[in-house]
Amino acid sequence: MIRIRLIYFVLIIFIIIIGLLSRYFTFIPLFIGDILWAIMVYFIVRFLLISTATKQVVIYSLLFCYAIEFSQLYKAPWIDNLRHTLFGRLVLGEGFLWSDLLYYTIGVCLGMLLDRLLKRSKSWFRQLKHSRLPSPFRHK
């Protein structure tokens, strides 16, 4: 359990770095950052709720992403001031866009697919390690 949490933690950090770099390079479309943000949210939820079913993690991730996007419709001086900070811009966003809901959905789905690939490769490696079949990599 600790090993898989570590893998999720490393993925979260890696996605944050790539997401920040995507904002730095102007040739990368802005929607890539939205997709990466949603992938990061998926893996944060997966990290926190490690034994929860994938379907629930997807639902929680989408609800969080959508809630953040719809919160951008709320205008008050205190939250607008927060949104003008780097942290506020990266976490809360600046303005509501319907298209962001699509990008968040794509990102969460990509996170789920990446998660399944990780689990599949993990079980494949485990089977290879414990198999009794001869292997060219195993010493006799």
N, C-alpha and C. Protein backbone atom coordinates (compact mmCIF):
# COMPACT_ATOMS: atom_id res chain seq x y z
N MET A 1 0.83 -1.19 0.00
CA MET A 1 0.00 0.00 0.00
C MET A 1 0.88 1.26 0.00
N ILE A 2 1.94 1.24 0.77
CA ILE A 2 2.83 2.39 0.83
C ILE A 2 3.52 2.59 -0.51
N ARG A 3 3.90 1.51 -1.17
CA ARG A 3 4.59 1.60 -2.45
C ARG A 3 3.70 2.26 -3.51
N ILE A 4 2.44 1.87 -3.56
CA ILE A 4 1.55 2.44 -4.56
C ILE A 4 1.25 3.91 -4.25
N ARG A 5 1.15 4.26 -2.96
CA ARG A 5 0.99 5.68 -2.59
C ARG A 5 2.21 6.49 -3.02
N LEU A 6 3.38 5.91 -2.88
CA LEU A 6 4.59 6.60 -3.31
C LEU A 6 4.57 6.82 -4.82
N ILE A 7 4.12 5.82 -5.56
CA ILE A 7 4.01 5.97 -7.02
C ILE A 7 3.02 7.09 -7.36
N TYR A 8 1.88 7.13 -6.67
CA TYR A 8 0.91 8.19 -6.91
C TYR A 8 1.49 9.55 -6.55
N PHE A 9 2.22 9.63 -5.45
CA PHE A 9 2.83 10.89 -5.03
C PHE A 9 3.82 11.39 -6.08
N VAL A 10 4.66 10.50 -6.57
CA VAL A 10 5.64 10.88 -7.61
C VAL A 10 4.91 11.34 -8.87
N LEU A 11 3.84 10.64 -9.24
CA LEU A 11 3.05 11.05 -10.41
C LEU A 11 2.45 12.44 -10.21
N ILE A 12 1.93 12.71 -9.03
CA ILE A 12 1.35 14.02 -8.74
C ILE A 12 2.39 15.11 -8.91
N ILE A 13 3.57 14.91 -8.34
CA ILE A 13 4.64 15.90 -8.45
C ILE A 13 5.06 16.08 -9.91
N PHE A 14 5.20 14.98 -10.64
CA PHE A 14 5.58 15.02 -12.05
C PHE A 14 4.54 15.79 -12.87
N ILE A 15 3.27 15.54 -12.62
CA ILE A 15 2.20 16.22 -13.35
C ILE A 15 2.18 17.70 -13.01
N ILE A 16 2.42 18.05 -11.76
CA ILE A 16 2.49 19.46 -11.37
C ILE A 16 3.61 20.17 -12.13
N ILE A 17 4.77 19.54 -12.19
CA ILE A 17 5.91 20.14 -12.90
C ILE A 17 5.58 20.32 -14.38
N ILE A 18 5.03 19.29 -15.00
CA ILE A 18 4.67 19.39 -16.42
C ILE A 18 3.60 20.46 -16.63
N GLY A 19 2.63 20.51 -15.71
CA GLY A 19 1.58 21.52 -15.81
C GLY A 19 2.13 22.94 -15.71
N LEU A 20 3.06 23.16 -14.78
CA LEU A 20 3.68 24.48 -14.66
C LEU A 20 4.50 24.81 -15.90
N LEU A 21 5.21 23.83 -16.43
CA LEU A 21 5.98 24.06 -17.64
C LEU A 21 5.07 24.35 -18.83
N SER A 22 3.88 23.74 -18.84
CA SER A 22 2.95 23.99 -19.95
C SER A 22 2.50 25.45 -19.97
N ARG A 23 2.48 26.10 -18.82
CA ARG A 23 2.11 27.53 -18.76
C ARG A 23 3.30 28.42 -19.14
N TYR A 24 4.50 27.89 -18.99
CA TYR A 24 5.70 28.66 -19.28
C TYR A 24 5.95 28.75 -20.78
N PHE A 25 5.73 27.65 -21.49
CA PHE A 25 5.97 27.62 -22.93
C PHE A 25 4.70 28.03 -23.66
N THR A 26 4.79 29.12 -24.40
CA THR A 26 3.60 29.69 -25.04
C THR A 26 3.09 28.87 -26.22
N PHE A 27 3.90 27.98 -26.78
CA PHE A 27 3.44 27.19 -27.92
C PHE A 27 2.53 26.03 -27.49
N ILE A 28 2.44 25.75 -26.19
CA ILE A 28 1.56 24.70 -25.69
C ILE A 28 0.19 25.32 -25.44
N PRO A 29 -0.87 24.76 -26.04
CA PRO A 29 -2.21 25.33 -25.83
C PRO A 29 -2.62 25.31 -24.35
N LEU A 30 -3.39 26.32 -23.96
CA LEU A 30 -3.79 26.46 -22.55
C LEU A 30 -4.62 25.29 -22.06
N PHE A 31 -5.39 24.65 -22.95
CA PHE A 31 -6.25 23.56 -22.50
C PHE A 31 -5.45 22.36 -22.01
N ILE A 32 -4.20 22.23 -22.42
CA ILE A 32 -3.34 21.14 -21.94
C ILE A 32 -3.16 21.27 -20.43
N GLY A 33 -3.00 22.49 -19.95
CA GLY A 33 -2.89 22.71 -18.51
C GLY A 33 -4.14 22.30 -17.76
N ASP A 34 -5.30 22.53 -18.35
CA ASP A 34 -6.56 22.11 -17.72
C ASP A 34 -6.66 20.59 -17.66
N ILE A 35 -6.24 19.93 -18.72
CA ILE A 35 -6.26 18.46 -18.73
C ILE A 35 -5.28 17.92 -17.69
N LEU A 36 -4.09 18.50 -17.63
CA LEU A 36 -3.10 18.05 -16.64
C LEU A 36 -3.59 18.31 -15.22
N TRP A 37 -4.27 19.43 -15.01
CA TRP A 37 -4.80 19.74 -13.68
C TRP A 37 -5.79 18.67 -13.25
N ALA A 38 -6.66 18.26 -14.18
CA ALA A 38 -7.66 17.24 -13.85
C ALA A 38 -7.00 15.88 -13.61
N ILE A 39 -5.96 15.55 -14.36
CA ILE A 39 -5.21 14.31 -14.10
C ILE A 39 -4.62 14.35 -12.70
N MET A 40 -4.05 15.50 -12.34
CA MET A 40 -3.47 15.65 -11.01
C MET A 40 -4.54 15.48 -9.93
N VAL A 41 -5.71 16.07 -10.14
CA VAL A 41 -6.82 15.92 -9.17
C VAL A 41 -7.18 14.45 -9.03
N TYR A 42 -7.28 13.74 -10.15
CA TYR A 42 -7.60 12.31 -10.09
C TYR A 42 -6.59 11.57 -9.21
N PHE A 43 -5.29 11.82 -9.42
CA PHE A 43 -4.29 11.09 -8.66
C PHE A 43 -4.22 11.54 -7.19
N ILE A 44 -4.57 12.78 -6.91
CA ILE A 44 -4.65 13.20 -5.51
C ILE A 44 -5.79 12.47 -4.81
N VAL A 45 -6.95 12.38 -5.48
CA VAL A 45 -8.08 11.66 -4.90
C VAL A 45 -7.72 10.18 -4.75
N ARG A 46 -7.06 9.61 -5.76
CA ARG A 46 -6.65 8.20 -5.69
C ARG A 46 -5.66 7.99 -4.55
N PHE A 47 -4.74 8.93 -4.36
CA PHE A 47 -3.75 8.87 -3.28
C PHE A 47 -4.45 8.89 -1.92
N LEU A 48 -5.44 9.76 -1.77
CA LEU A 48 -6.14 9.89 -0.49
C LEU A 48 -7.10 8.73 -0.23
N LEU A 49 -7.72 8.23 -1.27
CA LEU A 49 -8.72 7.16 -1.15
C LEU A 49 -8.22 5.92 -1.88
N ILE A 50 -7.11 5.40 -1.41
CA ILE A 50 -6.38 4.34 -2.12
C ILE A 50 -7.20 3.08 -2.36
N SER A 51 -8.07 2.73 -1.45
CA SER A 51 -8.80 1.48 -1.60
C SER A 51 -10.24 1.69 -2.10
N THR A 52 -10.55 2.90 -2.54
CA THR A 52 -11.87 3.20 -3.07
C THR A 52 -11.96 2.73 -4.52
N ALA A 53 -13.13 2.31 -4.93
CA ALA A 53 -13.35 1.85 -6.30
C ALA A 53 -13.03 2.97 -7.30
N THR A 54 -12.52 2.58 -8.44
CA THR A 54 -12.13 3.55 -9.47
C THR A 54 -13.31 4.43 -9.88
N LYS A 55 -14.47 3.83 -10.01
CA LYS A 55 -15.66 4.59 -10.41
C LYS A 55 -15.93 5.73 -9.44
N GLN A 56 -15.80 5.47 -8.15
CA GLN A 56 -16.02 6.52 -7.16
C GLN A 56 -14.94 7.58 -7.23
N VAL A 57 -13.70 7.18 -7.45
CA VAL A 57 -12.60 8.14 -7.57
C VAL A 57 -12.86 9.07 -8.75
N VAL A 58 -13.33 8.51 -9.86
CA VAL A 58 -13.67 9.32 -11.04
C VAL A 58 -14.77 10.31 -10.69
N ILE A 59 -15.80 9.85 -10.02
CA ILE A 59 -16.92 10.73 -9.66
C ILE A 59 -16.45 11.84 -8.72
N TYR A 60 -15.70 11.50 -7.69
CA TYR A 60 -15.20 12.51 -6.74
C TYR A 60 -14.29 13.52 -7.45
N SER A 61 -13.44 13.04 -8.34
CA SER A 61 -12.52 13.92 -9.06
C SER A 61 -13.29 14.89 -9.95
N LEU A 62 -14.27 14.37 -10.69
CA LEU A 62 -15.06 15.23 -11.56
C LEU A 62 -15.87 16.25 -10.75
N LEU A 63 -16.45 15.81 -9.64
CA LEU A 63 -17.21 16.73 -8.79
C LEU A 63 -16.32 17.85 -8.27
N PHE A 64 -15.11 17.51 -7.87
CA PHE A 64 -14.18 18.54 -7.38
C PHE A 64 -13.82 19.51 -8.50
N CYS A 65 -13.44 18.97 -9.67
CA CYS A 65 -13.07 19.83 -10.79
C CYS A 65 -14.22 20.75 -11.20
N TYR A 66 -15.42 20.18 -11.31
CA TYR A 66 -16.58 20.97 -11.69
C TYR A 66 -16.90 22.02 -10.63
N ALA A 67 -16.78 21.66 -9.36
CA ALA A 67 -17.06 22.62 -8.28
C ALA A 67 -16.10 23.80 -8.34
N ILE A 68 -14.83 23.53 -8.60
CA ILE A 68 -13.86 24.62 -8.73
C ILE A 68 -14.23 25.51 -9.90
N GLU A 69 -14.59 24.90 -11.03
CA GLU A 69 -14.95 25.69 -12.21
C GLU A 69 -16.20 26.53 -11.95
N PHE A 70 -17.23 25.94 -11.38
CA PHE A 70 -18.45 26.70 -11.11
C PHE A 70 -18.24 27.74 -10.02
N SER A 71 -17.25 27.53 -9.13
CA SER A 71 -16.96 28.54 -8.10
C SER A 71 -16.44 29.83 -8.73
N GLN A 72 -15.97 29.74 -9.96
CA GLN A 72 -15.46 30.94 -10.64
C GLN A 72 -16.59 31.89 -11.02
N LEU A 73 -17.82 31.42 -10.96
CA LEU A 73 -18.97 32.29 -11.21
C LEU A 73 -19.25 33.18 -10.00
N TYR A 74 -18.76 32.77 -8.83
CA TYR A 74 -18.95 33.54 -7.60
C TYR A 74 -17.95 34.69 -7.58
N LYS A 75 -18.46 35.88 -7.47
CA LYS A 75 -17.60 37.06 -7.46
C LYS A 75 -17.77 37.79 -6.13
N ALA A 76 -16.68 37.85 -5.40
CA ALA A 76 -16.62 38.63 -4.16
C ALA A 76 -15.19 39.14 -4.04
N PRO A 77 -15.01 40.29 -3.42
CA PRO A 77 -13.65 40.87 -3.35
C PRO A 77 -12.61 39.93 -2.74
N TRP A 78 -12.98 39.22 -1.68
CA TRP A 78 -11.99 38.37 -1.00
C TRP A 78 -11.53 37.23 -1.89
N ILE A 79 -12.45 36.60 -2.64
CA ILE A 79 -12.04 35.47 -3.47
C ILE A 79 -11.39 35.97 -4.77
N ASP A 80 -11.82 37.12 -5.26
CA ASP A 80 -11.17 37.69 -6.44
C ASP A 80 -9.73 38.08 -6.12
N ASN A 81 -9.52 38.63 -4.91
CA ASN A 81 -8.14 38.94 -4.50
C ASN A 81 -7.29 37.67 -4.41
N LEU A 82 -7.88 36.60 -3.92
CA LEU A 82 -7.18 35.32 -3.84
C LEU A 82 -6.86 34.79 -5.23
N ARG A 83 -7.80 34.96 -6.15
CA ARG A 83 -7.58 34.49 -7.53
C ARG A 83 -6.50 35.26 -8.25
N HIS A 84 -6.16 36.44 -7.77
CA HIS A 84 -5.11 37.24 -8.40
C HIS A 84 -3.71 36.87 -7.91
N THR A 85 -3.63 35.94 -6.97
CA THR A 85 -2.33 35.42 -6.53
C THR A 85 -1.97 34.22 -7.41
N LEU A 86 -0.71 33.84 -7.40
CA LEU A 86 -0.27 32.68 -8.19
C LEU A 86 -1.00 31.42 -7.74
N PHE A 87 -1.05 31.20 -6.43
CA PHE A 87 -1.74 30.04 -5.89
C PHE A 87 -3.21 30.03 -6.30
N GLY A 88 -3.88 31.16 -6.15
CA GLY A 88 -5.29 31.27 -6.50
C GLY A 88 -5.55 31.04 -7.97
N ARG A 89 -4.66 31.57 -8.81
CA ARG A 89 -4.80 31.37 -10.25
C ARG A 89 -4.64 29.91 -10.63
N LEU A 90 -3.65 29.23 -10.01
CA LEU A 90 -3.38 27.83 -10.35
C LEU A 90 -4.44 26.88 -9.80
N VAL A 91 -4.96 27.16 -8.61
CA VAL A 91 -5.89 26.24 -7.97
C VAL A 91 -7.34 26.60 -8.28
N LEU A 92 -7.69 27.87 -8.17
CA LEU A 92 -9.08 28.28 -8.33
C LEU A 92 -9.43 28.74 -9.74
N GLY A 93 -8.44 29.10 -10.52
CA GLY A 93 -8.70 29.61 -11.86
C GLY A 93 -9.16 31.04 -11.81
N GLU A 94 -9.39 31.61 -13.00
CA GLU A 94 -9.75 33.02 -13.05
C GLU A 94 -11.14 33.28 -13.59
N GLY A 95 -11.59 32.51 -14.55
CA GLY A 95 -12.90 32.76 -15.15
C GLY A 95 -13.55 31.47 -15.59
N PHE A 96 -14.87 31.45 -15.52
CA PHE A 96 -15.63 30.27 -15.88
C PHE A 96 -15.64 30.08 -17.40
N LEU A 97 -15.36 28.85 -17.83
CA LEU A 97 -15.48 28.48 -19.25
C LEU A 97 -16.14 27.11 -19.33
N TRP A 98 -17.18 27.01 -20.15
CA TRP A 98 -17.85 25.72 -20.33
C TRP A 98 -16.87 24.69 -20.89
N SER A 99 -15.97 25.12 -21.75
CA SER A 99 -15.03 24.19 -22.37
C SER A 99 -14.11 23.53 -21.34
N ASP A 100 -13.85 24.22 -20.23
CA ASP A 100 -13.00 23.63 -19.19
C ASP A 100 -13.63 22.37 -18.61
N LEU A 101 -14.95 22.32 -18.55
CA LEU A 101 -15.63 21.12 -18.04
C LEU A 101 -15.31 19.92 -18.93
N LEU A 102 -15.24 20.14 -20.23
CA LEU A 102 -14.86 19.08 -21.17
C LEU A 102 -13.40 18.66 -20.93
N TYR A 103 -12.52 19.64 -20.78
CA TYR A 103 -11.10 19.33 -20.56
C TYR A 103 -10.89 18.59 -19.25
N TYR A 104 -11.65 18.96 -18.22
CA TYR A 104 -11.54 18.25 -16.95
C TYR A 104 -12.02 16.81 -17.08
N THR A 105 -13.08 16.62 -17.83
CA THR A 105 -13.58 15.26 -18.06
C THR A 105 -12.55 14.42 -18.80
N ILE A 106 -11.94 15.02 -19.82
CA ILE A 106 -10.89 14.32 -20.57
C ILE A 106 -9.72 13.99 -19.64
N GLY A 107 -9.32 14.95 -18.82
CA GLY A 107 -8.19 14.75 -17.91
C GLY A 107 -8.45 13.65 -16.89
N VAL A 108 -9.63 13.64 -16.30
CA VAL A 108 -9.95 12.60 -15.32
C VAL A 108 -9.99 11.23 -15.99
N CYS A 109 -10.54 11.17 -17.19
CA CYS A 109 -10.56 9.89 -17.93
C CYS A 109 -9.15 9.43 -18.27
N LEU A 110 -8.29 10.36 -18.66
CA LEU A 110 -6.89 9.99 -18.92
C LEU A 110 -6.19 9.52 -17.65
N GLY A 111 -6.49 10.18 -16.53
CA GLY A 111 -5.94 9.75 -15.25
C GLY A 111 -6.37 8.33 -14.90
N MET A 112 -7.66 8.04 -15.13
CA MET A 112 -8.17 6.70 -14.87
C MET A 112 -7.47 5.67 -15.76
N LEU A 113 -7.30 6.00 -17.05
CA LEU A 113 -6.62 5.07 -17.97
C LEU A 113 -5.16 4.84 -17.56
N LEU A 114 -4.49 5.91 -17.17
CA LEU A 114 -3.10 5.77 -16.70
C LEU A 114 -3.04 4.93 -15.44
N ASP A 115 -4.00 5.13 -14.55
CA ASP A 115 -4.08 4.35 -13.32
C ASP A 115 -4.26 2.86 -13.65
N ARG A 116 -5.14 2.56 -14.58
CA ARG A 116 -5.36 1.16 -14.98
C ARG A 116 -4.11 0.56 -15.61
N LEU A 117 -3.42 1.34 -16.43
CA LEU A 117 -2.17 0.85 -17.02
C LEU A 117 -1.13 0.55 -15.95
N LEU A 118 -1.05 1.42 -14.94
CA LEU A 118 -0.11 1.18 -13.84
C LEU A 118 -0.46 -0.10 -13.10
N LYS A 119 -1.74 -0.29 -12.82
CA LYS A 119 -2.16 -1.49 -12.10
C LYS A 119 -1.94 -2.74 -12.93
N ARG A 120 -2.18 -2.63 -14.22
CA ARG A 120 -1.98 -3.78 -15.12
C ARG A 120 -0.50 -4.13 -15.20
N SER A 121 0.36 -3.13 -15.34
CA SER A 121 1.80 -3.41 -15.43
C SER A 121 2.32 -3.94 -14.10
N LYS A 122 1.78 -3.45 -12.99
CA LYS A 122 2.19 -3.93 -11.67
C LYS A 122 1.85 -5.41 -11.52
N SER A 123 0.63 -5.80 -11.94
CA SER A 123 0.26 -7.21 -11.82
C SER A 123 1.05 -8.06 -12.80
N TRP A 124 1.37 -7.51 -13.96
CA TRP A 124 2.17 -8.24 -14.95
C TRP A 124 3.57 -8.51 -14.39
N PHE A 125 4.18 -7.49 -13.77
CA PHE A 125 5.51 -7.68 -13.17
C PHE A 125 5.46 -8.67 -12.02
N ARG A 126 4.39 -8.61 -11.24
CA ARG A 126 4.24 -9.54 -10.12
C ARG A 126 4.12 -10.98 -10.63
N GLN A 127 3.35 -11.19 -11.69
CA GLN A 127 3.20 -12.52 -12.27
C GLN A 127 4.52 -13.02 -12.83
N LEU A 128 5.25 -12.14 -13.49
CA LEU A 128 6.54 -12.53 -14.05
C LEU A 128 7.52 -12.92 -12.95
N LYS A 129 7.51 -12.16 -11.88
CA LYS A 129 8.43 -12.40 -10.77
C LYS A 129 8.14 -13.74 -10.09
N HIS A 130 6.86 -14.10 -9.96
CA HIS A 130 6.48 -15.32 -9.25
C HIS A 130 6.21 -16.50 -10.16
N SER A 131 6.40 -16.32 -11.45
CA SER A 131 6.11 -17.43 -12.36
C SER A 131 7.19 -18.50 -12.24
N ARG A 132 6.79 -19.74 -12.50
CA ARG A 132 7.73 -20.86 -12.42
C ARG A 132 8.26 -21.23 -13.79
N LEU A 133 7.85 -20.48 -14.79
CA LEU A 133 8.34 -20.75 -16.13
C LEU A 133 9.79 -20.28 -16.24
N PRO A 134 10.57 -20.96 -17.08
CA PRO A 134 11.96 -20.52 -17.26
C PRO A 134 11.99 -19.12 -17.86
N SER A 135 12.91 -18.35 -17.41
CA SER A 135 13.06 -16.98 -17.90
C SER A 135 14.49 -16.75 -18.29
N PRO A 136 14.72 -16.05 -19.40
CA PRO A 136 16.09 -15.79 -19.80
C PRO A 136 16.80 -14.83 -18.84
N PHE A 137 16.02 -14.13 -18.01
CA PHE A 137 16.61 -13.17 -17.08
C PHE A 137 16.90 -13.78 -15.71
N ARG A 138 16.45 -15.00 -15.48
CA ARG A 138 16.63 -15.66 -14.21
C ARG A 138 17.84 -16.57 -14.25
N HIS A 139 18.64 -16.54 -13.22
CA HIS A 139 19.79 -17.43 -13.12
C HIS A 139 19.33 -18.80 -12.66
N LYS A 140 19.98 -19.85 -13.20
CA LYS A 140 19.62 -21.21 -12.80
C LYS A 140 20.47 -21.68 -11.66
